[in-house]
């Protein structure tokens, strides 16, 4: 229990710089929100346009209103595009441990909130988009994967240093799936910029992830 409290305090110190460096405008009409079982996530796009080859960045805030500590893999992000719904999905956190190793995690204690940043570059078929207007991306949806129960991973969390990989045991790998929960935020409308303007869009990007 003593080492567990130390882990929470250490995680708070590590994340302090990220919290002070980023913020969310809660009055922004394009802010996305998701809430499930005592965990609230607010996210704000760093840009309102998307282009082929240009990363999509977000600032997001996780508020833990539950009675237990949670954790998130802040350096893991991916994106995908569904042409039918014209929606880019930006996935933050780790639903599946990469290569069976525990990713770098940040712990969020009960009653605590932390502001973080993430980003990924979706694969957009610019040629197809030029041929059919219906293929243009129109929405971005953020989903965040968290660990609800971090106690099985307490020892690994104490040892993480951001450099060396830590292998999960078979039991911990199964517990990862049992403890994992995904929170979906509402979709946010975006504008599409063709590939010819992607360089200008990238230069205008204010992404700090």
N, C-alpha and C. Protein backbone atom coordinates (compact mmCIF):
# COMPACT_ATOMS: atom_id res chain seq x y z
N UNK A 1 0.83 -1.20 0.00
CA UNK A 1 0.00 0.00 0.00
C UNK A 1 0.87 1.26 0.00
N UNK A 2 1.98 1.21 0.75
CA UNK A 2 2.88 2.36 0.80
C UNK A 2 3.48 2.64 -0.56
N UNK A 3 3.95 1.57 -1.24
CA UNK A 3 4.55 1.76 -2.57
C UNK A 3 3.50 2.20 -3.58
N UNK A 4 2.25 1.76 -3.37
CA UNK A 4 1.17 2.15 -4.28
C UNK A 4 0.91 3.65 -4.17
N UNK A 5 0.92 4.19 -2.95
CA UNK A 5 0.73 5.63 -2.76
C UNK A 5 1.90 6.41 -3.35
N UNK A 6 3.10 5.85 -3.21
CA UNK A 6 4.27 6.49 -3.81
C UNK A 6 4.14 6.54 -5.33
N UNK A 7 3.60 5.48 -5.90
CA UNK A 7 3.41 5.41 -7.36
C UNK A 7 2.47 6.52 -7.83
N UNK A 8 1.38 6.74 -7.10
CA UNK A 8 0.44 7.80 -7.47
C UNK A 8 1.09 9.17 -7.39
N UNK A 9 1.88 9.40 -6.33
CA UNK A 9 2.55 10.69 -6.17
C UNK A 9 3.58 10.91 -7.27
N UNK A 10 4.32 9.87 -7.62
CA UNK A 10 5.34 9.98 -8.67
C UNK A 10 4.70 10.27 -10.01
N UNK A 11 3.59 9.60 -10.30
CA UNK A 11 2.91 9.82 -11.57
C UNK A 11 2.40 11.25 -11.67
N UNK A 12 1.90 11.79 -10.57
CA UNK A 12 1.42 13.17 -10.56
C UNK A 12 2.56 14.15 -10.87
N UNK A 13 3.73 13.89 -10.32
CA UNK A 13 4.88 14.76 -10.56
C UNK A 13 5.32 14.69 -12.01
N UNK A 14 5.36 13.49 -12.60
CA UNK A 14 5.79 13.32 -13.98
C UNK A 14 4.86 14.04 -14.93
N UNK A 15 3.57 14.00 -14.65
CA UNK A 15 2.58 14.60 -15.56
C UNK A 15 2.41 16.09 -15.36
N UNK A 16 3.04 16.67 -14.36
CA UNK A 16 2.82 18.09 -14.05
C UNK A 16 3.19 18.99 -15.22
N UNK A 17 4.28 18.67 -15.90
CA UNK A 17 4.70 19.52 -17.03
C UNK A 17 3.68 19.50 -18.14
N UNK A 18 3.13 18.32 -18.43
CA UNK A 18 2.13 18.21 -19.49
C UNK A 18 0.87 18.98 -19.13
N UNK A 19 0.51 18.94 -17.85
CA UNK A 19 -0.70 19.64 -17.42
C UNK A 19 -0.55 21.14 -17.57
N UNK A 20 0.64 21.65 -17.21
CA UNK A 20 0.85 23.09 -17.25
C UNK A 20 1.03 23.59 -18.68
N UNK A 21 1.45 22.70 -19.59
CA UNK A 21 1.76 23.12 -20.95
C UNK A 21 0.55 23.10 -21.87
N UNK A 22 -0.52 22.47 -21.47
CA UNK A 22 -1.69 22.32 -22.34
C UNK A 22 -2.95 22.67 -21.58
N UNK A 23 -3.96 23.07 -22.34
CA UNK A 23 -5.25 23.39 -21.74
C UNK A 23 -6.35 23.19 -22.77
N UNK A 24 -7.57 23.10 -22.29
CA UNK A 24 -8.74 22.91 -23.16
C UNK A 24 -9.70 24.07 -22.95
N UNK A 25 -10.18 24.61 -24.05
CA UNK A 25 -11.19 25.66 -23.99
C UNK A 25 -12.56 24.97 -23.86
N UNK A 26 -13.10 24.98 -22.65
CA UNK A 26 -14.35 24.29 -22.40
C UNK A 26 -15.54 24.96 -23.08
N UNK A 27 -15.36 26.15 -23.60
CA UNK A 27 -16.46 26.83 -24.30
C UNK A 27 -16.41 26.58 -25.81
N UNK A 28 -15.39 25.90 -26.28
CA UNK A 28 -15.27 25.63 -27.72
C UNK A 28 -16.40 24.69 -28.15
N UNK A 29 -17.22 25.09 -29.14
CA UNK A 29 -18.33 24.25 -29.57
C UNK A 29 -17.88 22.94 -30.21
N UNK A 30 -16.62 22.85 -30.63
CA UNK A 30 -16.11 21.62 -31.23
C UNK A 30 -15.36 20.75 -30.24
N UNK A 31 -15.50 21.06 -28.97
CA UNK A 31 -14.91 20.19 -27.95
C UNK A 31 -15.72 18.90 -27.86
N UNK A 32 -15.01 17.78 -27.78
CA UNK A 32 -15.68 16.49 -27.67
C UNK A 32 -15.70 16.03 -26.22
N UNK A 33 -16.70 15.24 -25.88
CA UNK A 33 -16.88 14.79 -24.50
C UNK A 33 -17.32 13.34 -24.48
N UNK A 34 -16.76 12.59 -23.52
CA UNK A 34 -17.18 11.22 -23.28
C UNK A 34 -17.11 10.92 -21.80
N UNK A 35 -18.06 10.17 -21.31
CA UNK A 35 -18.06 9.85 -19.88
C UNK A 35 -18.64 8.46 -19.67
N UNK A 36 -17.95 7.69 -18.82
CA UNK A 36 -18.42 6.34 -18.55
C UNK A 36 -17.89 5.86 -17.21
N UNK A 37 -18.81 5.40 -16.35
CA UNK A 37 -18.46 4.81 -15.05
C UNK A 37 -17.47 5.67 -14.26
N UNK A 38 -17.78 6.95 -14.13
CA UNK A 38 -16.98 7.80 -13.26
C UNK A 38 -15.72 8.36 -13.87
N UNK A 39 -15.49 8.15 -15.15
CA UNK A 39 -14.33 8.73 -15.81
C UNK A 39 -14.82 9.63 -16.93
N UNK A 40 -14.39 10.89 -16.91
CA UNK A 40 -14.80 11.86 -17.92
C UNK A 40 -13.59 12.25 -18.78
N UNK A 41 -13.82 12.32 -20.08
CA UNK A 41 -12.76 12.72 -21.01
C UNK A 41 -13.26 13.88 -21.87
N UNK A 42 -12.53 14.99 -21.86
CA UNK A 42 -12.79 16.11 -22.76
C UNK A 42 -11.62 16.20 -23.74
N UNK A 43 -11.91 16.49 -25.00
CA UNK A 43 -10.85 16.59 -26.00
C UNK A 43 -11.12 17.74 -26.94
N UNK A 44 -10.05 18.35 -27.41
CA UNK A 44 -10.14 19.47 -28.33
C UNK A 44 -9.12 19.28 -29.45
N UNK A 45 -9.60 19.38 -30.70
CA UNK A 45 -8.70 19.26 -31.84
C UNK A 45 -7.77 20.46 -31.88
N UNK A 46 -6.51 20.23 -32.24
CA UNK A 46 -5.57 21.33 -32.37
C UNK A 46 -5.78 22.09 -33.67
N UNK A 47 -6.40 21.43 -34.66
CA UNK A 47 -6.72 22.07 -35.93
C UNK A 47 -8.12 21.61 -36.36
N UNK A 48 -8.80 22.43 -37.13
CA UNK A 48 -10.14 22.08 -37.59
C UNK A 48 -10.15 21.56 -39.01
N UNK A 49 -8.95 21.36 -39.61
CA UNK A 49 -8.86 20.81 -40.96
C UNK A 49 -8.04 19.53 -40.92
N UNK A 50 -8.32 18.63 -41.86
CA UNK A 50 -7.55 17.40 -42.01
C UNK A 50 -7.04 17.32 -43.44
N UNK A 51 -5.85 16.75 -43.62
CA UNK A 51 -5.22 16.62 -44.93
C UNK A 51 -4.43 15.32 -44.99
N UNK A 52 -4.26 14.76 -46.19
CA UNK A 52 -3.44 13.56 -46.32
C UNK A 52 -2.01 13.81 -45.85
N UNK A 53 -1.52 12.93 -45.01
CA UNK A 53 -0.15 13.03 -44.54
C UNK A 53 0.08 13.99 -43.40
N UNK A 54 -0.96 14.66 -42.93
CA UNK A 54 -0.82 15.63 -41.84
C UNK A 54 -1.39 15.02 -40.55
N UNK A 55 -0.62 15.01 -39.46
CA UNK A 55 -1.11 14.43 -38.20
C UNK A 55 -2.34 15.16 -37.66
N UNK A 56 -3.17 14.41 -36.99
CA UNK A 56 -4.30 14.98 -36.26
C UNK A 56 -3.92 15.00 -34.78
N UNK A 57 -3.86 16.19 -34.21
CA UNK A 57 -3.47 16.32 -32.81
C UNK A 57 -4.62 16.76 -31.94
N UNK A 58 -4.60 16.33 -30.70
CA UNK A 58 -5.63 16.71 -29.73
C UNK A 58 -4.99 17.05 -28.39
N UNK A 59 -5.65 17.93 -27.66
CA UNK A 59 -5.40 18.09 -26.24
C UNK A 59 -6.59 17.47 -25.54
N UNK A 60 -6.33 16.61 -24.57
CA UNK A 60 -7.44 15.95 -23.90
C UNK A 60 -7.24 15.93 -22.39
N UNK A 61 -8.33 15.98 -21.69
CA UNK A 61 -8.32 15.99 -20.23
C UNK A 61 -9.07 14.78 -19.71
N UNK A 62 -8.44 14.04 -18.82
CA UNK A 62 -9.09 12.90 -18.17
C UNK A 62 -9.35 13.27 -16.72
N UNK A 63 -10.60 13.17 -16.31
CA UNK A 63 -10.97 13.43 -14.91
C UNK A 63 -11.49 12.14 -14.31
N UNK A 64 -10.82 11.70 -13.25
CA UNK A 64 -11.19 10.45 -12.60
C UNK A 64 -12.13 10.73 -11.44
N UNK A 65 -13.40 10.51 -11.67
CA UNK A 65 -14.42 10.72 -10.65
C UNK A 65 -14.81 9.42 -9.95
N UNK A 66 -14.08 8.36 -10.26
CA UNK A 66 -14.36 7.06 -9.65
C UNK A 66 -13.62 6.94 -8.32
N UNK A 67 -13.76 5.81 -7.66
CA UNK A 67 -13.14 5.60 -6.36
C UNK A 67 -11.81 4.89 -6.44
N UNK A 68 -11.37 4.54 -7.65
CA UNK A 68 -10.12 3.80 -7.82
C UNK A 68 -9.21 4.51 -8.81
N UNK A 69 -7.92 4.31 -8.64
CA UNK A 69 -6.95 4.88 -9.57
C UNK A 69 -7.07 4.19 -10.93
N UNK A 70 -6.82 4.94 -11.98
CA UNK A 70 -6.83 4.40 -13.34
C UNK A 70 -5.50 4.75 -13.99
N UNK A 71 -5.25 4.21 -15.18
CA UNK A 71 -4.00 4.51 -15.88
C UNK A 71 -4.25 4.54 -17.37
N UNK A 72 -3.40 5.27 -18.09
CA UNK A 72 -3.52 5.38 -19.54
C UNK A 72 -2.12 5.38 -20.17
N UNK A 73 -2.01 4.73 -21.32
CA UNK A 73 -0.77 4.74 -22.09
C UNK A 73 -0.76 6.00 -22.95
N UNK A 74 -0.09 7.04 -22.48
CA UNK A 74 -0.18 8.35 -23.13
C UNK A 74 0.62 8.45 -24.42
N UNK A 75 1.58 7.56 -24.62
CA UNK A 75 2.41 7.64 -25.81
C UNK A 75 1.94 6.70 -26.92
N UNK A 76 0.79 6.10 -26.74
CA UNK A 76 0.25 5.18 -27.74
C UNK A 76 -0.97 5.84 -28.39
N UNK A 77 -0.89 6.06 -29.69
CA UNK A 77 -2.00 6.65 -30.44
C UNK A 77 -2.00 6.11 -31.86
N UNK A 78 -3.18 5.94 -32.40
CA UNK A 78 -3.33 5.43 -33.76
C UNK A 78 -4.58 6.06 -34.36
N UNK A 79 -4.72 5.94 -35.68
CA UNK A 79 -5.90 6.50 -36.32
C UNK A 79 -6.33 5.63 -37.48
N UNK A 80 -7.60 5.70 -37.81
CA UNK A 80 -8.17 4.95 -38.92
C UNK A 80 -9.26 5.80 -39.56
N UNK A 81 -9.62 5.42 -40.79
CA UNK A 81 -10.65 6.19 -41.50
C UNK A 81 -11.69 5.26 -42.08
N UNK A 82 -12.95 5.56 -41.82
CA UNK A 82 -14.08 4.79 -42.36
C UNK A 82 -14.76 5.64 -43.43
N UNK A 83 -14.65 5.20 -44.68
CA UNK A 83 -15.20 5.99 -45.79
C UNK A 83 -16.73 6.05 -45.76
N UNK A 84 -17.35 4.99 -45.27
CA UNK A 84 -18.82 4.97 -45.25
C UNK A 84 -19.39 6.05 -44.35
N UNK A 85 -18.82 6.18 -43.14
CA UNK A 85 -19.30 7.21 -42.21
C UNK A 85 -18.52 8.52 -42.35
N UNK A 86 -17.45 8.48 -43.18
CA UNK A 86 -16.60 9.66 -43.41
C UNK A 86 -16.01 10.16 -42.10
N UNK A 87 -15.64 9.20 -41.24
CA UNK A 87 -15.16 9.54 -39.90
C UNK A 87 -13.75 9.01 -39.68
N UNK A 88 -12.87 9.90 -39.21
CA UNK A 88 -11.54 9.50 -38.77
C UNK A 88 -11.62 9.22 -37.27
N UNK A 89 -11.14 8.06 -36.86
CA UNK A 89 -11.12 7.71 -35.45
C UNK A 89 -9.70 7.83 -34.93
N UNK A 90 -9.50 8.65 -33.92
CA UNK A 90 -8.20 8.80 -33.27
C UNK A 90 -8.25 8.02 -31.96
N UNK A 91 -7.45 6.97 -31.88
CA UNK A 91 -7.44 6.08 -30.71
C UNK A 91 -6.25 6.42 -29.82
N UNK A 92 -6.53 6.69 -28.57
CA UNK A 92 -5.49 7.02 -27.60
C UNK A 92 -5.48 5.96 -26.51
N UNK A 93 -4.29 5.54 -26.10
CA UNK A 93 -4.19 4.49 -25.10
C UNK A 93 -3.99 3.13 -25.75
N UNK A 94 -3.83 2.12 -24.94
CA UNK A 94 -3.48 0.79 -25.45
C UNK A 94 -4.53 -0.24 -25.07
N UNK A 95 -5.34 -0.64 -26.06
CA UNK A 95 -6.29 -1.73 -25.83
C UNK A 95 -5.58 -3.06 -25.82
N UNK A 96 -4.53 -3.18 -26.63
CA UNK A 96 -3.72 -4.39 -26.70
C UNK A 96 -2.27 -4.01 -26.41
N UNK A 97 -1.62 -4.61 -25.41
CA UNK A 97 -0.23 -4.26 -25.10
C UNK A 97 0.67 -4.54 -26.30
N UNK A 98 1.43 -3.56 -26.78
CA UNK A 98 2.28 -3.77 -27.95
C UNK A 98 3.37 -4.80 -27.70
N UNK A 99 3.37 -5.85 -28.52
CA UNK A 99 4.37 -6.92 -28.41
C UNK A 99 4.39 -7.57 -27.04
N UNK A 100 3.29 -7.49 -26.32
CA UNK A 100 3.24 -8.11 -24.99
C UNK A 100 3.98 -7.33 -23.92
N UNK A 101 4.38 -6.10 -24.24
CA UNK A 101 5.09 -5.26 -23.27
C UNK A 101 4.16 -4.18 -22.72
N UNK A 102 4.43 -3.74 -21.49
CA UNK A 102 3.62 -2.67 -20.93
C UNK A 102 4.11 -1.34 -21.47
N UNK A 103 3.23 -0.54 -22.09
CA UNK A 103 3.63 0.77 -22.58
C UNK A 103 3.83 1.74 -21.43
N UNK A 104 4.42 2.89 -21.72
CA UNK A 104 4.59 3.92 -20.69
C UNK A 104 3.22 4.40 -20.23
N UNK A 105 2.99 4.36 -18.92
CA UNK A 105 1.67 4.66 -18.37
C UNK A 105 1.73 5.89 -17.45
N UNK A 106 0.60 6.57 -17.35
CA UNK A 106 0.40 7.63 -16.37
C UNK A 106 -0.80 7.25 -15.51
N UNK A 107 -0.62 7.33 -14.21
CA UNK A 107 -1.68 6.98 -13.27
C UNK A 107 -2.45 8.23 -12.88
N UNK A 108 -3.78 8.09 -12.82
CA UNK A 108 -4.66 9.20 -12.42
C UNK A 108 -5.43 8.76 -11.19
N UNK A 109 -5.17 9.42 -10.08
CA UNK A 109 -5.77 9.05 -8.80
C UNK A 109 -7.23 9.46 -8.73
N UNK A 110 -8.01 8.88 -7.82
CA UNK A 110 -9.40 9.29 -7.64
C UNK A 110 -9.51 10.78 -7.34
N UNK A 111 -10.42 11.47 -8.03
CA UNK A 111 -10.60 12.90 -7.84
C UNK A 111 -9.61 13.76 -8.59
N UNK A 112 -8.70 13.14 -9.32
CA UNK A 112 -7.65 13.89 -10.03
C UNK A 112 -8.01 14.05 -11.50
N UNK A 113 -7.50 15.12 -12.10
CA UNK A 113 -7.65 15.32 -13.55
C UNK A 113 -6.29 15.68 -14.13
N UNK A 114 -6.05 15.23 -15.35
CA UNK A 114 -4.79 15.52 -16.02
C UNK A 114 -5.05 15.89 -17.47
N UNK A 115 -4.30 16.87 -17.96
CA UNK A 115 -4.40 17.32 -19.33
C UNK A 115 -3.19 16.82 -20.11
N UNK A 116 -3.43 16.17 -21.23
CA UNK A 116 -2.38 15.52 -22.01
C UNK A 116 -2.57 15.84 -23.48
N UNK A 117 -1.63 15.42 -24.29
CA UNK A 117 -1.74 15.60 -25.74
C UNK A 117 -1.39 14.31 -26.47
N UNK A 118 -1.96 14.14 -27.64
CA UNK A 118 -1.71 12.96 -28.46
C UNK A 118 -1.96 13.30 -29.91
N UNK A 119 -1.51 12.45 -30.80
CA UNK A 119 -1.75 12.66 -32.22
C UNK A 119 -1.34 11.46 -33.05
N UNK A 120 -1.89 11.36 -34.23
CA UNK A 120 -1.56 10.29 -35.17
C UNK A 120 -1.93 10.75 -36.56
N UNK A 121 -1.34 10.12 -37.57
CA UNK A 121 -1.59 10.48 -38.96
C UNK A 121 -2.46 9.41 -39.62
N UNK A 122 -3.69 9.75 -39.98
CA UNK A 122 -4.57 8.76 -40.65
C UNK A 122 -4.14 8.56 -42.09
N UNK A 123 -4.44 7.37 -42.62
CA UNK A 123 -4.17 7.08 -44.03
C UNK A 123 -5.41 7.49 -44.82
N UNK A 124 -5.28 8.56 -45.60
CA UNK A 124 -6.39 9.07 -46.40
C UNK A 124 -6.06 8.87 -47.87
N UNK A 125 -6.95 8.25 -48.62
CA UNK A 125 -6.74 8.03 -50.04
C UNK A 125 -7.13 9.29 -50.80
N UNK A 126 -6.17 10.16 -50.99
CA UNK A 126 -6.45 11.45 -51.62
C UNK A 126 -7.01 11.30 -53.03
N UNK A 127 -6.51 10.32 -53.79
CA UNK A 127 -6.98 10.11 -55.16
C UNK A 127 -8.45 9.76 -55.18
N UNK A 128 -8.87 8.87 -54.28
CA UNK A 128 -10.28 8.49 -54.21
C UNK A 128 -11.14 9.67 -53.77
N UNK A 129 -10.60 10.48 -52.87
CA UNK A 129 -11.36 11.63 -52.38
C UNK A 129 -11.61 12.63 -53.49
N UNK A 130 -10.66 12.76 -54.42
CA UNK A 130 -10.85 13.70 -55.52
C UNK A 130 -11.91 13.21 -56.50
N UNK A 131 -12.06 11.88 -56.60
CA UNK A 131 -13.01 11.32 -57.55
C UNK A 131 -14.44 11.35 -57.02
N UNK A 132 -14.57 11.21 -55.73
CA UNK A 132 -15.92 11.15 -55.15
C UNK A 132 -15.99 12.02 -53.91
N UNK A 133 -16.82 13.02 -53.96
CA UNK A 133 -16.93 13.94 -52.83
C UNK A 133 -17.33 13.21 -51.55
N UNK A 134 -18.09 12.13 -51.71
CA UNK A 134 -18.56 11.39 -50.54
C UNK A 134 -17.42 10.76 -49.76
N UNK A 135 -16.23 10.68 -50.37
CA UNK A 135 -15.09 10.07 -49.67
C UNK A 135 -14.36 11.06 -48.79
N UNK A 136 -14.69 12.33 -48.89
CA UNK A 136 -14.01 13.33 -48.07
C UNK A 136 -14.28 13.08 -46.58
N UNK A 137 -13.25 13.13 -45.74
CA UNK A 137 -13.49 13.05 -44.29
C UNK A 137 -14.28 14.26 -43.82
N UNK A 138 -15.26 14.00 -42.97
CA UNK A 138 -16.09 15.08 -42.45
C UNK A 138 -16.11 15.14 -40.92
N UNK A 139 -15.69 14.05 -40.28
CA UNK A 139 -15.76 13.99 -38.82
C UNK A 139 -14.51 13.35 -38.23
N UNK A 140 -14.22 13.71 -36.99
CA UNK A 140 -13.19 13.05 -36.21
C UNK A 140 -13.81 12.60 -34.90
N UNK A 141 -13.55 11.35 -34.54
CA UNK A 141 -14.01 10.83 -33.25
C UNK A 141 -12.82 10.32 -32.46
N UNK A 142 -12.78 10.69 -31.20
CA UNK A 142 -11.70 10.26 -30.31
C UNK A 142 -12.21 9.15 -29.42
N UNK A 143 -11.39 8.12 -29.25
CA UNK A 143 -11.69 7.09 -28.27
C UNK A 143 -10.46 6.88 -27.40
N UNK A 144 -10.68 6.68 -26.11
CA UNK A 144 -9.59 6.61 -25.15
C UNK A 144 -9.68 5.30 -24.38
N UNK A 145 -8.59 4.54 -24.40
CA UNK A 145 -8.53 3.26 -23.68
C UNK A 145 -7.81 3.46 -22.35
N UNK A 146 -8.43 3.03 -21.26
CA UNK A 146 -7.84 3.17 -19.93
C UNK A 146 -7.82 1.82 -19.23
N UNK A 147 -6.98 1.74 -18.20
CA UNK A 147 -6.99 0.57 -17.31
C UNK A 147 -7.78 0.94 -16.07
N UNK A 148 -8.81 0.17 -15.79
CA UNK A 148 -9.64 0.43 -14.61
C UNK A 148 -9.01 -0.11 -13.33
N UNK A 149 -8.29 -1.22 -13.44
CA UNK A 149 -7.66 -1.85 -12.28
C UNK A 149 -6.16 -1.91 -12.52
N UNK A 150 -5.39 -1.11 -11.78
CA UNK A 150 -3.96 -1.05 -12.03
C UNK A 150 -3.14 -1.87 -11.02
N UNK A 151 -3.80 -2.44 -10.04
CA UNK A 151 -3.05 -3.16 -9.01
C UNK A 151 -2.24 -4.35 -9.56
N UNK A 152 -2.74 -5.11 -10.53
CA UNK A 152 -1.93 -6.21 -11.06
C UNK A 152 -0.63 -5.73 -11.73
N UNK A 153 -0.55 -4.44 -12.02
CA UNK A 153 0.60 -3.91 -12.74
C UNK A 153 1.42 -2.93 -11.89
N UNK A 154 1.14 -2.91 -10.58
CA UNK A 154 1.77 -1.92 -9.69
C UNK A 154 3.30 -2.02 -9.72
N UNK A 155 3.83 -3.24 -9.68
CA UNK A 155 5.28 -3.41 -9.67
C UNK A 155 5.91 -2.90 -10.96
N UNK A 156 5.29 -3.21 -12.08
CA UNK A 156 5.81 -2.74 -13.36
C UNK A 156 5.71 -1.22 -13.47
N UNK A 157 4.63 -0.66 -12.95
CA UNK A 157 4.46 0.79 -13.00
C UNK A 157 5.53 1.51 -12.19
N UNK A 158 5.93 0.93 -11.07
CA UNK A 158 6.97 1.54 -10.25
C UNK A 158 8.32 1.51 -10.95
N UNK A 159 8.55 0.51 -11.79
CA UNK A 159 9.85 0.33 -12.43
C UNK A 159 9.96 1.05 -13.77
N UNK A 160 8.85 1.52 -14.32
CA UNK A 160 8.92 2.11 -15.66
C UNK A 160 9.80 3.35 -15.66
N UNK A 161 10.63 3.45 -16.70
CA UNK A 161 11.55 4.58 -16.81
C UNK A 161 11.48 5.25 -18.18
N UNK A 162 10.59 4.77 -19.05
CA UNK A 162 10.44 5.37 -20.37
C UNK A 162 11.47 4.91 -21.38
N UNK A 163 12.39 4.05 -20.97
CA UNK A 163 13.44 3.59 -21.88
C UNK A 163 13.41 2.08 -22.10
N UNK A 164 13.39 1.33 -21.02
CA UNK A 164 13.44 -0.13 -21.13
C UNK A 164 12.03 -0.71 -21.21
N UNK A 165 11.90 -1.82 -21.95
CA UNK A 165 10.62 -2.50 -22.08
C UNK A 165 10.40 -3.45 -20.91
N UNK A 166 9.15 -3.56 -20.50
CA UNK A 166 8.78 -4.45 -19.40
C UNK A 166 7.76 -5.47 -19.90
N UNK A 167 8.15 -6.71 -19.85
CA UNK A 167 7.32 -7.78 -20.38
C UNK A 167 6.20 -8.14 -19.43
N UNK A 168 4.99 -8.27 -19.96
CA UNK A 168 3.86 -8.72 -19.16
C UNK A 168 3.86 -10.24 -19.09
N UNK A 169 3.53 -10.78 -17.93
CA UNK A 169 3.35 -12.22 -17.83
C UNK A 169 2.06 -12.61 -18.53
N UNK A 170 1.88 -13.90 -18.78
CA UNK A 170 0.64 -14.35 -19.42
C UNK A 170 -0.57 -13.95 -18.59
N UNK A 171 -0.43 -14.03 -17.27
CA UNK A 171 -1.54 -13.65 -16.39
C UNK A 171 -1.82 -12.16 -16.48
N UNK A 172 -0.77 -11.35 -16.48
CA UNK A 172 -0.95 -9.91 -16.59
C UNK A 172 -1.53 -9.52 -17.95
N UNK A 173 -1.14 -10.25 -18.99
CA UNK A 173 -1.67 -9.97 -20.33
C UNK A 173 -3.18 -10.16 -20.34
N UNK A 174 -3.65 -11.25 -19.71
CA UNK A 174 -5.09 -11.49 -19.62
C UNK A 174 -5.77 -10.44 -18.74
N UNK A 175 -5.11 -10.06 -17.65
CA UNK A 175 -5.68 -9.05 -16.76
C UNK A 175 -5.77 -7.69 -17.44
N UNK A 176 -4.87 -7.45 -18.39
CA UNK A 176 -4.91 -6.19 -19.14
C UNK A 176 -6.24 -6.07 -19.89
N UNK A 177 -6.63 -7.15 -20.56
CA UNK A 177 -7.89 -7.14 -21.30
C UNK A 177 -9.08 -7.03 -20.36
N UNK A 178 -9.01 -7.70 -19.22
CA UNK A 178 -10.10 -7.65 -18.26
C UNK A 178 -10.26 -6.26 -17.65
N UNK A 179 -9.13 -5.55 -17.49
CA UNK A 179 -9.15 -4.24 -16.84
C UNK A 179 -9.35 -3.09 -17.81
N UNK A 180 -9.24 -3.38 -19.12
CA UNK A 180 -9.30 -2.32 -20.12
C UNK A 180 -10.72 -1.86 -20.39
N UNK A 181 -10.87 -0.55 -20.54
CA UNK A 181 -12.17 0.03 -20.85
C UNK A 181 -11.96 1.15 -21.88
N UNK A 182 -12.84 1.22 -22.87
CA UNK A 182 -12.71 2.22 -23.92
C UNK A 182 -13.86 3.22 -23.82
N UNK A 183 -13.51 4.50 -23.81
CA UNK A 183 -14.49 5.58 -23.73
C UNK A 183 -14.54 6.30 -25.08
N UNK A 184 -15.72 6.34 -25.68
CA UNK A 184 -15.91 7.00 -26.96
C UNK A 184 -16.44 8.41 -26.75
N UNK A 185 -15.82 9.38 -27.42
CA UNK A 185 -16.28 10.76 -27.36
C UNK A 185 -17.17 11.04 -28.57
N UNK A 186 -17.96 12.10 -28.50
CA UNK A 186 -18.82 12.45 -29.63
C UNK A 186 -17.98 12.90 -30.82
N UNK A 187 -18.50 12.75 -32.02
CA UNK A 187 -17.79 13.16 -33.22
C UNK A 187 -17.72 14.68 -33.34
N UNK A 188 -16.65 15.16 -33.98
CA UNK A 188 -16.45 16.59 -34.19
C UNK A 188 -16.33 16.85 -35.69
N UNK A 189 -17.09 17.80 -36.26
CA UNK A 189 -16.97 18.08 -37.70
C UNK A 189 -15.65 18.76 -38.02
N UNK A 190 -15.08 18.41 -39.18
CA UNK A 190 -13.82 19.00 -39.63
C UNK A 190 -13.92 19.37 -41.11
N UNK A 191 -12.97 20.18 -41.56
CA UNK A 191 -12.88 20.55 -42.97
C UNK A 191 -11.75 19.74 -43.61
N UNK A 192 -11.91 19.41 -44.88
CA UNK A 192 -10.90 18.64 -45.60
C UNK A 192 -10.10 19.54 -46.53
N UNK A 193 -8.77 19.43 -46.45
CA UNK A 193 -7.88 20.17 -47.34
C UNK A 193 -7.20 19.18 -48.27
N UNK A 194 -7.27 19.36 -49.60
CA UNK A 194 -6.66 18.41 -50.54
C UNK A 194 -5.17 18.24 -50.33
N UNK A 195 -4.63 17.18 -50.94
CA UNK A 195 -3.22 16.86 -50.76
C UNK A 195 -2.32 17.98 -51.25
N UNK A 196 -2.75 18.72 -52.27
CA UNK A 196 -1.94 19.80 -52.82
C UNK A 196 -1.69 20.90 -51.81
N UNK A 197 -2.59 20.99 -50.81
CA UNK A 197 -2.44 22.02 -49.78
C UNK A 197 -1.94 21.44 -48.46
N UNK A 198 -1.54 20.17 -48.51
CA UNK A 198 -1.17 19.50 -47.26
C UNK A 198 0.07 20.13 -46.62
N UNK A 199 1.02 20.61 -47.44
CA UNK A 199 2.22 21.22 -46.88
C UNK A 199 1.89 22.47 -46.10
N UNK A 200 1.02 23.30 -46.70
CA UNK A 200 0.60 24.51 -45.99
C UNK A 200 -0.14 24.17 -44.71
N UNK A 201 -0.96 23.11 -44.77
CA UNK A 201 -1.71 22.71 -43.58
C UNK A 201 -0.77 22.22 -42.48
N UNK A 202 0.26 21.50 -42.92
CA UNK A 202 1.21 20.99 -41.92
C UNK A 202 1.96 22.14 -41.26
N UNK A 203 2.33 23.14 -42.05
CA UNK A 203 3.05 24.30 -41.48
C UNK A 203 2.17 25.09 -40.54
N UNK A 204 0.85 25.06 -40.82
CA UNK A 204 -0.07 25.82 -39.97
C UNK A 204 -0.47 25.05 -38.72
N UNK A 205 -0.11 23.77 -38.70
CA UNK A 205 -0.50 22.93 -37.58
C UNK A 205 0.13 23.41 -36.29
N UNK A 206 -0.67 23.38 -35.24
CA UNK A 206 -0.16 23.80 -33.94
C UNK A 206 -0.02 22.62 -33.01
N UNK A 207 0.22 21.44 -33.59
CA UNK A 207 0.28 20.23 -32.79
C UNK A 207 1.55 20.19 -31.97
N UNK A 208 1.38 19.88 -30.68
CA UNK A 208 2.54 19.82 -29.78
C UNK A 208 2.70 18.46 -29.17
N UNK A 209 2.11 17.42 -29.75
CA UNK A 209 2.20 16.09 -29.17
C UNK A 209 3.52 15.44 -29.50
